[in-house]
PDB file of N, CA and C in Angstrom:
ATOM      1  N   MET A   1       9.862  51.846  77.518  1.00  0.00           N
ATOM      2  CA  MET A   1       9.986  52.595  78.759  1.00  0.00           C
ATOM      3  C   MET A   1       8.842  53.656  78.890  1.00  0.00           C
ATOM      4  N   SER A   2       8.515  53.923  80.077  1.00  0.00           N
ATOM      5  CA  SER A   2       7.587  54.893  80.380  1.00  0.00           C
ATOM      6  C   SER A   2       8.045  56.136  80.083  1.00  0.00           C
ATOM      7  N   ASN A   3       7.184  57.313  80.024  1.00  0.00           N
ATOM      8  CA  ASN A   3       7.664  58.695  79.861  1.00  0.00           C
ATOM      9  C   ASN A   3       8.539  59.159  81.051  1.00  0.00           C
ATOM     10  N   GLU A   4       8.263  58.545  82.419  1.00  0.00           N
ATOM     11  CA  GLU A   4       8.744  58.954  83.554  1.00  0.00           C
ATOM     12  C   GLU A   4      10.191  58.452  83.540  1.00  0.00           C
ATOM     13  N   ALA A   5      10.234  57.198  83.102  1.00  0.00           N
ATOM     14  CA  ALA A   5      11.586  56.526  83.007  1.00  0.00           C
ATOM     15  C   ALA A   5      12.552  57.268  81.960  1.00  0.00           C
ATOM     16  N   LEU A   6      11.923  57.525  80.838  1.00  0.00           N
ATOM     17  CA  LEU A   6      12.800  58.305  79.929  1.00  0.00           C
ATOM     18  C   LEU A   6      13.322  59.691  80.564  1.00  0.00           C
ATOM     19  N   LEU A   7      12.250  60.352  81.104  1.00  0.00           N
ATOM     20  CA  LEU A   7      12.734  61.552  81.633  1.00  0.00           C
ATOM     21  C   LEU A   7      13.778  61.629  82.570  1.00  0.00           C
ATOM     22  N   LYS A   8      13.771  60.504  83.573  1.00  0.00           N
ATOM     23  CA  LYS A   8      14.671  60.280  84.469  1.00  0.00           C
ATOM     24  C   LYS A   8      16.049  59.968  83.815  1.00  0.00           C
ATOM     25  N   ARG A   9      16.029  59.059  82.871  1.00  0.00           N
ATOM     26  CA  ARG A   9      17.230  58.630  82.184  1.00  0.00           C
ATOM     27  C   ARG A   9      17.791  59.826  81.590  1.00  0.00           C
ATOM     28  N   LYS A  10      17.048  60.799  80.986  1.00  0.00           N
ATOM     29  CA  LYS A  10      17.601  61.848  80.187  1.00  0.00           C
ATOM     30  C   LYS A  10      18.312  62.830  81.408  1.00  0.00           C
ATOM     31  N   LYS A  11      17.530  63.160  82.407  1.00  0.00           N
ATOM     32  CA  LYS A  11      18.207  63.974  83.482  1.00  0.00           C
ATOM     33  C   LYS A  11      19.367  63.528  83.972  1.00  0.00           C
ATOM     34  N   THR A  12      19.362  62.154  84.292  1.00  0.00           N
ATOM     35  CA  THR A  12      20.661  61.381  84.990  1.00  0.00           C
ATOM     36  C   THR A  12      21.722  61.533  83.932  1.00  0.00           C
ATOM     37  N   THR A  13      21.545  61.306  82.790  1.00  0.00           N
ATOM     38  CA  THR A  13      22.615  61.228  81.647  1.00  0.00           C
ATOM     39  C   THR A  13      23.212  62.723  81.428  1.00  0.00           C
ATOM     40  N   GLU A  14      22.133  63.680  81.445  1.00  0.00           N
ATOM     41  CA  GLU A  14      22.860  64.997  81.364  1.00  0.00           C
ATOM     42  C   GLU A  14      23.660  65.435  82.499  1.00  0.00           C
ATOM     43  N   VAL A  15      23.259  65.053  83.588  1.00  0.00           N
ATOM     44  CA  VAL A  15      24.129  65.347  84.748  1.00  0.00           C
ATOM     45  C   VAL A  15      25.445  64.759  84.805  1.00  0.00           C
ATOM     46  N   VAL A  16      25.390  63.362  84.528  1.00  0.00           N
ATOM     47  CA  VAL A  16      26.666  62.747  84.460  1.00  0.00           C
ATOM     48  C   VAL A  16      27.581  63.051  83.442  1.00  0.00           C
ATOM     49  N   THR A  17      27.023  63.563  82.083  1.00  0.00           N
ATOM     50  CA  THR A  17      27.779  64.101  81.094  1.00  0.00           C
ATOM     51  C   THR A  17      28.446  65.308  81.290  1.00  0.00           C
ATOM     52  N   ALA A  18      27.717  66.122  81.950  1.00  0.00           N
ATOM     53  CA  ALA A  18      28.215  67.526  82.216  1.00  0.00           C
ATOM     54  C   ALA A  18      29.330  67.455  83.448  1.00  0.00           C
ATOM     55  N   THR A  19      29.130  66.559  84.307  1.00  0.00           N
ATOM     56  CA  THR A  19      30.063  66.289  85.310  1.00  0.00           C
ATOM     57  C   THR A  19      31.401  65.751  84.720  1.00  0.00           C
ATOM     58  N   LEU A  20      31.268  64.664  83.931  1.00  0.00           N
ATOM     59  CA  LEU A  20      32.432  64.043  83.240  1.00  0.00           C
ATOM     60  C   LEU A  20      33.174  65.100  82.361  1.00  0.00           C
ATOM     61  N   ALA A  21      32.435  65.894  81.769  1.00  0.00           N
ATOM     62  CA  ALA A  21      33.012  67.002  80.810  1.00  0.00           C
ATOM     63  C   ALA A  21      33.765  67.866  81.594  1.00  0.00           C
ATOM     64  N   GLY A  22      33.299  68.346  82.682  1.00  0.00           N
ATOM     65  CA  GLY A  22      34.030  69.206  83.511  1.00  0.00           C
ATOM     66  C   GLY A  22      35.225  68.603  84.137  1.00  0.00           C
ATOM     67  N   LEU A  23      35.194  67.542  84.702  1.00  0.00           N
ATOM     68  CA  LEU A  23      36.230  66.920  85.122  1.00  0.00           C
ATOM     69  C   LEU A  23      37.392  66.595  84.113  1.00  0.00           C
ATOM     70  N   LEU A  24      36.995  66.228  82.973  1.00  0.00           N
ATOM     71  CA  LEU A  24      37.964  65.936  82.005  1.00  0.00           C
ATOM     72  C   LEU A  24      38.606  67.161  81.441  1.00  0.00           C
ATOM     73  N   THR A  25      37.822  68.238  81.562  1.00  0.00           N
ATOM     74  CA  THR A  25      38.455  69.465  81.123  1.00  0.00           C
ATOM     75  C   THR A  25      39.500  70.079  82.137  1.00  0.00           C
ATOM     76  N   VAL A  26      39.310  70.030  83.516  1.00  0.00           N
ATOM     77  CA  VAL A  26      39.983  70.289  84.507  1.00  0.00           C
ATOM     78  C   VAL A  26      41.331  69.500  84.361  1.00  0.00           C
ATOM     79  N   LEU A  27      41.110  68.119  84.291  1.00  0.00           N
ATOM     80  CA  LEU A  27      42.219  67.192  84.086  1.00  0.00           C
ATOM     81  C   LEU A  27      43.257  67.597  82.883  1.00  0.00           C
ATOM     82  N   LEU A  28      42.538  67.950  81.739  1.00  0.00           N
ATOM     83  CA  LEU A  28      43.251  68.405  80.584  1.00  0.00           C
ATOM     84  C   LEU A  28      44.050  69.574  80.827  1.00  0.00           C
ATOM     85  N   ILE A  29      43.535  70.572  81.371  1.00  0.00           N
ATOM     86  CA  ILE A  29      44.236  71.794  81.831  1.00  0.00           C
ATOM     87  C   ILE A  29      45.389  71.648  82.727  1.00  0.00           C
ATOM     88  N   ALA A  30      45.052  70.808  83.651  1.00  0.00           N
ATOM     89  CA  ALA A  30      46.245  70.422  84.723  1.00  0.00           C
ATOM     90  C   ALA A  30      47.361  69.789  84.006  1.00  0.00           C
ATOM     91  N   ALA A  31      46.933  68.742  83.248  1.00  0.00           N
ATOM     92  CA  ALA A  31      47.975  68.064  82.614  1.00  0.00           C
ATOM     93  C   ALA A  31      48.825  68.906  81.609  1.00  0.00           C
ATOM     94  N   ILE A  32      48.224  69.669  80.922  1.00  0.00           N
ATOM     95  CA  ILE A  32      49.046  70.566  80.045  1.00  0.00           C
ATOM     96  C   ILE A  32      49.807  71.612  81.052  1.00  0.00           C
ATOM     97  N   PHE A  33      49.243  72.179  82.029  1.00  0.00           N
ATOM     98  CA  PHE A  33      50.099  72.875  82.830  1.00  0.00           C
ATOM     99  C   PHE A  33      51.337  72.307  83.523  1.00  0.00           C
ATOM    100  N   LEU A  34      51.013  70.967  83.909  1.00  0.00           N
ATOM    101  CA  LEU A  34      52.265  70.184  84.394  1.00  0.00           C
ATOM    102  C   LEU A  34      53.311  69.871  83.327  1.00  0.00           C
ATOM    103  N   CYS A  35      52.919  69.578  82.170  1.00  0.00           N
ATOM    104  CA  CYS A  35      53.761  69.363  81.000  1.00  0.00           C
ATOM    105  C   CYS A  35      54.729  70.563  80.766  1.00  0.00           C
ATOM    106  N   PHE A  36      54.248  71.781  80.768  1.00  0.00           N
ATOM    107  CA  PHE A  36      55.035  72.945  80.506  1.00  0.00           C
ATOM    108  C   PHE A  36      55.642  73.569  81.593  1.00  0.00           C
ATOM    109  N   LYS A  37      54.991  73.509  82.901  1.00  0.00           N
ATOM    110  CA  LYS A  37      55.478  74.382  84.053  1.00  0.00           C
ATOM    111  C   LYS A  37      56.554  73.452  84.817  1.00  0.00           C
ATOM    112  N   ASN A  38      56.436  72.269  85.191  1.00  0.00           N
ATOM    113  CA  ASN A  38      57.314  71.649  85.983  1.00  0.00           C
ATOM    114  C   ASN A  38      58.287  70.789  85.285  1.00  0.00           C
ATOM    115  N   GLN A  39      58.152  70.558  83.968  1.00  0.00           N
ATOM    116  CA  GLN A  39      59.017  69.853  83.226  1.00  0.00           C
ATOM    117  C   GLN A  39      59.092  68.348  83.856  1.00  0.00           C
ATOM    118  N   SER A  40      57.973  67.833  84.479  1.00  0.00           N
ATOM    119  CA  SER A  40      57.998  66.665  84.921  1.00  0.00           C
ATOM    120  C   SER A  40      57.447  65.408  84.136  1.00  0.00           C
ATOM    121  N   SER A  41      57.714  64.232  84.592  1.00  0.00           N
ATOM    122  CA  SER A  41      57.208  63.183  83.817  1.00  0.00           C
ATOM    123  C   SER A  41      55.754  62.823  83.923  1.00  0.00           C
ATOM    124  N   ILE A  42      55.084  63.490  84.843  1.00  0.00           N
ATOM    125  CA  ILE A  42      53.632  63.153  85.214  1.00  0.00           C
ATOM    126  C   ILE A  42      52.662  63.811  84.061  1.00  0.00           C
ATOM    127  N   GLY A  43      53.028  64.847  83.672  1.00  0.00           N
ATOM    128  CA  GLY A  43      52.054  65.628  82.772  1.00  0.00           C
ATOM    129  C   GLY A  43      51.673  64.879  81.592  1.00  0.00           C
ATOM    130  N   LEU A  44      52.585  64.358  80.951  1.00  0.00           N
ATOM    131  CA  LEU A  44      52.327  63.729  79.597  1.00  0.00           C
ATOM    132  C   LEU A  44      51.445  62.529  79.657  1.00  0.00           C
ATOM    133  N   PRO A  45      51.686  61.625  80.681  1.00  0.00           N
ATOM    134  CA  PRO A  45      50.829  60.457  80.772  1.00  0.00           C
ATOM    135  C   PRO A  45      49.415  60.844  81.199  1.00  0.00           C
ATOM    136  N   LEU A  46      49.134  62.012  81.991  1.00  0.00           N
ATOM    137  CA  LEU A  46      47.886  62.540  82.434  1.00  0.00           C
ATOM    138  C   LEU A  46      47.006  63.044  81.177  1.00  0.00           C
ATOM    139  N   LEU A  47      47.913  63.387  80.005  1.00  0.00           N
ATOM    140  CA  LEU A  47      47.077  63.834  78.789  1.00  0.00           C
ATOM    141  C   LEU A  47      46.401  62.619  78.138  1.00  0.00           C
ATOM    142  N   ILE A  48      46.765  61.495  78.541  1.00  0.00           N
ATOM    143  CA  ILE A  48      45.994  60.257  77.973  1.00  0.00           C
ATOM    144  C   ILE A  48      44.679  60.131  78.416  1.00  0.00           C
ATOM    145  N   ILE A  49      44.562  60.339  79.670  1.00  0.00           N
ATOM    146  CA  ILE A  49      43.225  60.035  80.269  1.00  0.00           C
ATOM    147  C   ILE A  49      42.090  60.791  79.570  1.00  0.00           C
ATOM    148  N   PRO A  50      42.151  62.142  79.542  1.00  0.00           N
ATOM    149  CA  PRO A  50      41.048  62.922  78.943  1.00  0.00           C
ATOM    150  C   PRO A  50      40.705  62.369  77.493  1.00  0.00           C
ATOM    151  N   LEU A  51      41.706  62.051  76.783  1.00  0.00           N
ATOM    152  CA  LEU A  51      41.550  61.660  75.470  1.00  0.00           C
ATOM    153  C   LEU A  51      40.863  60.297  75.280  1.00  0.00           C
ATOM    154  N   ALA A  52      41.301  59.440  76.181  1.00  0.00           N
ATOM    155  CA  ALA A  52      40.923  58.087  76.205  1.00  0.00           C
ATOM    156  C   ALA A  52      39.396  58.070  76.634  1.00  0.00           C
ATOM    157  N   LEU A  53      38.992  58.930  77.606  1.00  0.00           N
ATOM    158  CA  LEU A  53      37.488  58.893  78.137  1.00  0.00           C
ATOM    159  C   LEU A  53      36.652  59.826  77.320  1.00  0.00           C
ATOM    160  N   SER A  54      37.123  60.612  76.312  1.00  0.00           N
ATOM    161  CA  SER A  54      36.288  61.470  75.589  1.00  0.00           C
ATOM    162  C   SER A  54      35.139  60.593  74.765  1.00  0.00           C
ATOM    163  N   PRO A  55      35.501  59.458  74.288  1.00  0.00           N
ATOM    164  CA  PRO A  55      34.288  58.652  73.605  1.00  0.00           C
ATOM    165  C   PRO A  55      33.115  58.598  74.472  1.00  0.00           C
ATOM    166  N   ILE A  56      33.266  58.435  75.727  1.00  0.00           N
ATOM    167  CA  ILE A  56      32.211  58.222  76.675  1.00  0.00           C
ATOM    168  C   ILE A  56      31.256  59.415  76.660  1.00  0.00           C
ATOM    169  N   LEU A  57      31.829  60.614  76.616  1.00  0.00           N
ATOM    170  CA  LEU A  57      31.147  61.900  76.450  1.00  0.00           C
ATOM    171  C   LEU A  57      30.138  61.847  75.119  1.00  0.00           C
ATOM    172  N   TYR A  58      30.894  61.501  74.000  1.00  0.00           N
ATOM    173  CA  TYR A  58      30.236  61.350  72.621  1.00  0.00           C
ATOM    174  C   TYR A  58      28.964  60.442  72.883  1.00  0.00           C
ATOM    175  N   ILE A  59      29.222  59.153  73.372  1.00  0.00           N
ATOM    176  CA  ILE A  59      28.024  58.249  73.492  1.00  0.00           C
ATOM    177  C   ILE A  59      27.028  58.797  74.447  1.00  0.00           C
ATOM    178  N   ASN A  60      27.425  59.453  75.573  1.00  0.00           N
ATOM    179  CA  ASN A  60      26.385  59.973  76.430  1.00  0.00           C
ATOM    180  C   ASN A  60      25.625  61.146  75.608  1.00  0.00           C
ATOM    181  N   ILE A  61      26.230  62.049  74.763  1.00  0.00           N
ATOM    182  CA  ILE A  61      25.584  63.062  74.255  1.00  0.00           C
ATOM    183  C   ILE A  61      24.525  62.462  73.008  1.00  0.00           C
ATOM    184  N   ASN A  62      25.061  61.407  72.499  1.00  0.00           N
ATOM    185  CA  ASN A  62      24.145  60.750  71.684  1.00  0.00           C
ATOM    186  C   ASN A  62      22.981  60.065  72.156  1.00  0.00           C
ATOM    187  N   ASP A  63      23.321  59.503  73.439  1.00  0.00           N
ATOM    188  CA  ASP A  63      22.097  58.974  74.205  1.00  0.00           C
ATOM    189  C   ASP A  63      21.088  60.026  74.581  1.00  0.00           C
ATOM    190  N   VAL A  64      21.450  61.248  75.019  1.00  0.00           N
ATOM    191  CA  VAL A  64      20.625  62.236  75.343  1.00  0.00           C
ATOM    192  C   VAL A  64      19.683  62.555  74.129  1.00  0.00           C
ATOM    193  N   LYS A  65      20.350  62.806  72.920  1.00  0.00           N
ATOM    194  CA  LYS A  65      19.619  63.079  71.762  1.00  0.00           C
ATOM    195  C   LYS A  65      18.542  62.092  71.337  1.00  0.00           C
ATOM    196  N   VAL A  66      18.883  60.728  71.596  1.00  0.00           N
ATOM    197  CA  VAL A  66      17.850  59.677  71.078  1.00  0.00           C
ATOM    198  C   VAL A  66      16.767  59.675  72.280  1.00  0.00           C
ATOM    199  N   VAL A  67      16.985  60.035  73.395  1.00  0.00           N
ATOM    200  CA  VAL A  67      15.842  60.059  74.558  1.00  0.00           C
ATOM    201  C   VAL A  67      15.106  61.220  74.229  1.00  0.00           C
ATOM    202  N   LYS A  68      15.687  62.411  73.971  1.00  0.00           N
ATOM    203  CA  LYS A  68      14.955  63.633  73.590  1.00  0.00           C
ATOM    204  C   LYS A  68      14.051  63.420  72.306  1.00  0.00           C
ATOM    205  N   GLY A  69      14.601  62.674  71.339  1.00  0.00           N
ATOM    206  CA  GLY A  69      13.805  62.510  70.236  1.00  0.00           C
ATOM    207  C   GLY A  69      12.674  61.375  70.403  1.00  0.00           C
ATOM    208  N   GLU A  70      12.736  60.631  71.215  1.00  0.00           N
ATOM    209  CA  GLU A  70      11.619  59.685  71.642  1.00  0.00           C
ATOM    210  C   GLU A  70      10.745  60.471  72.449  1.00  0.00           C
ATOM    211  N   LEU A  71      11.060  61.334  73.394  1.00  0.00           N
ATOM    212  CA  LEU A  71      10.129  62.203  74.083  1.00  0.00           C
ATOM    213  C   LEU A  71       9.288  62.983  73.084  1.00  0.00           C
ATOM    214  N   GLN A  72      10.031  63.620  72.171  1.00  0.00           N
ATOM    215  CA  GLN A  72       9.276  64.442  71.119  1.00  0.00           C
ATOM    216  C   GLN A  72       8.234  63.729  70.306  1.00  0.00           C
ATOM    217  N   THR A  73       8.631  62.474  69.926  1.00  0.00           N
ATOM    218  CA  THR A  73       7.667  61.632  69.270  1.00  0.00           C
ATOM    219  C   THR A  73       6.249  61.165  70.184  1.00  0.00           C
ATOM    220  N   ARG A  74       6.552  61.341  71.423  1.00  0.00           N
ATOM    221  CA  ARG A  74       5.581  61.063  72.360  1.00  0.00           C
ATOM    222  C   ARG A  74       4.917  62.239  72.878  1.00  0.00           C
ATOM    223  N   LYS A  75       5.242  63.414  72.039  1.00  0.00           N
ATOM    224  CA  LYS A  75       4.673  64.648  72.567  1.00  0.00           C
ATOM    225  C   LYS A  75       4.922  65.019  73.979  1.00  0.00           C
ATOM    226  N   GLN A  76       6.107  64.852  74.423  1.00  0.00           N
ATOM    227  CA  GLN A  76       6.455  65.050  75.700  1.00  0.00           C
ATOM    228  C   GLN A  76       7.803  66.080  75.731  1.00  0.00           C
ATOM    229  N   VAL A  77       7.671  67.212  74.923  1.00  0.00           N
ATOM    230  CA  VAL A  77       8.733  68.086  74.764  1.00  0.00           C
ATOM    231  C   VAL A  77       9.016  68.935  76.097  1.00  0.00           C
ATOM    232  N   LEU A  78      10.225  68.838  76.632  1.00  0.00           N
ATOM    233  CA  LEU A  78      10.640  69.472  77.886  1.00  0.00           C
ATOM    234  C   LEU A  78      11.950  70.285  77.720  1.00  0.00           C
TER     235      LEU A  78
END
């Protein structure tokens, strides 16, 4: 890949990862709130979604690290 393509991939992956992390955090807080506040049956199943999608965050974070490492080897430190 070219340097420009790597920089674009890094930026896109960082934005997507930050957005996903924020949304999963909000969903986790809302699910915990629903579990304890309303005593409804919807809170517990909602807890599964952030836990199930958290490996995607791990994969994206590792991808950003790999791209940064490749850019550093190309002397394109940003």
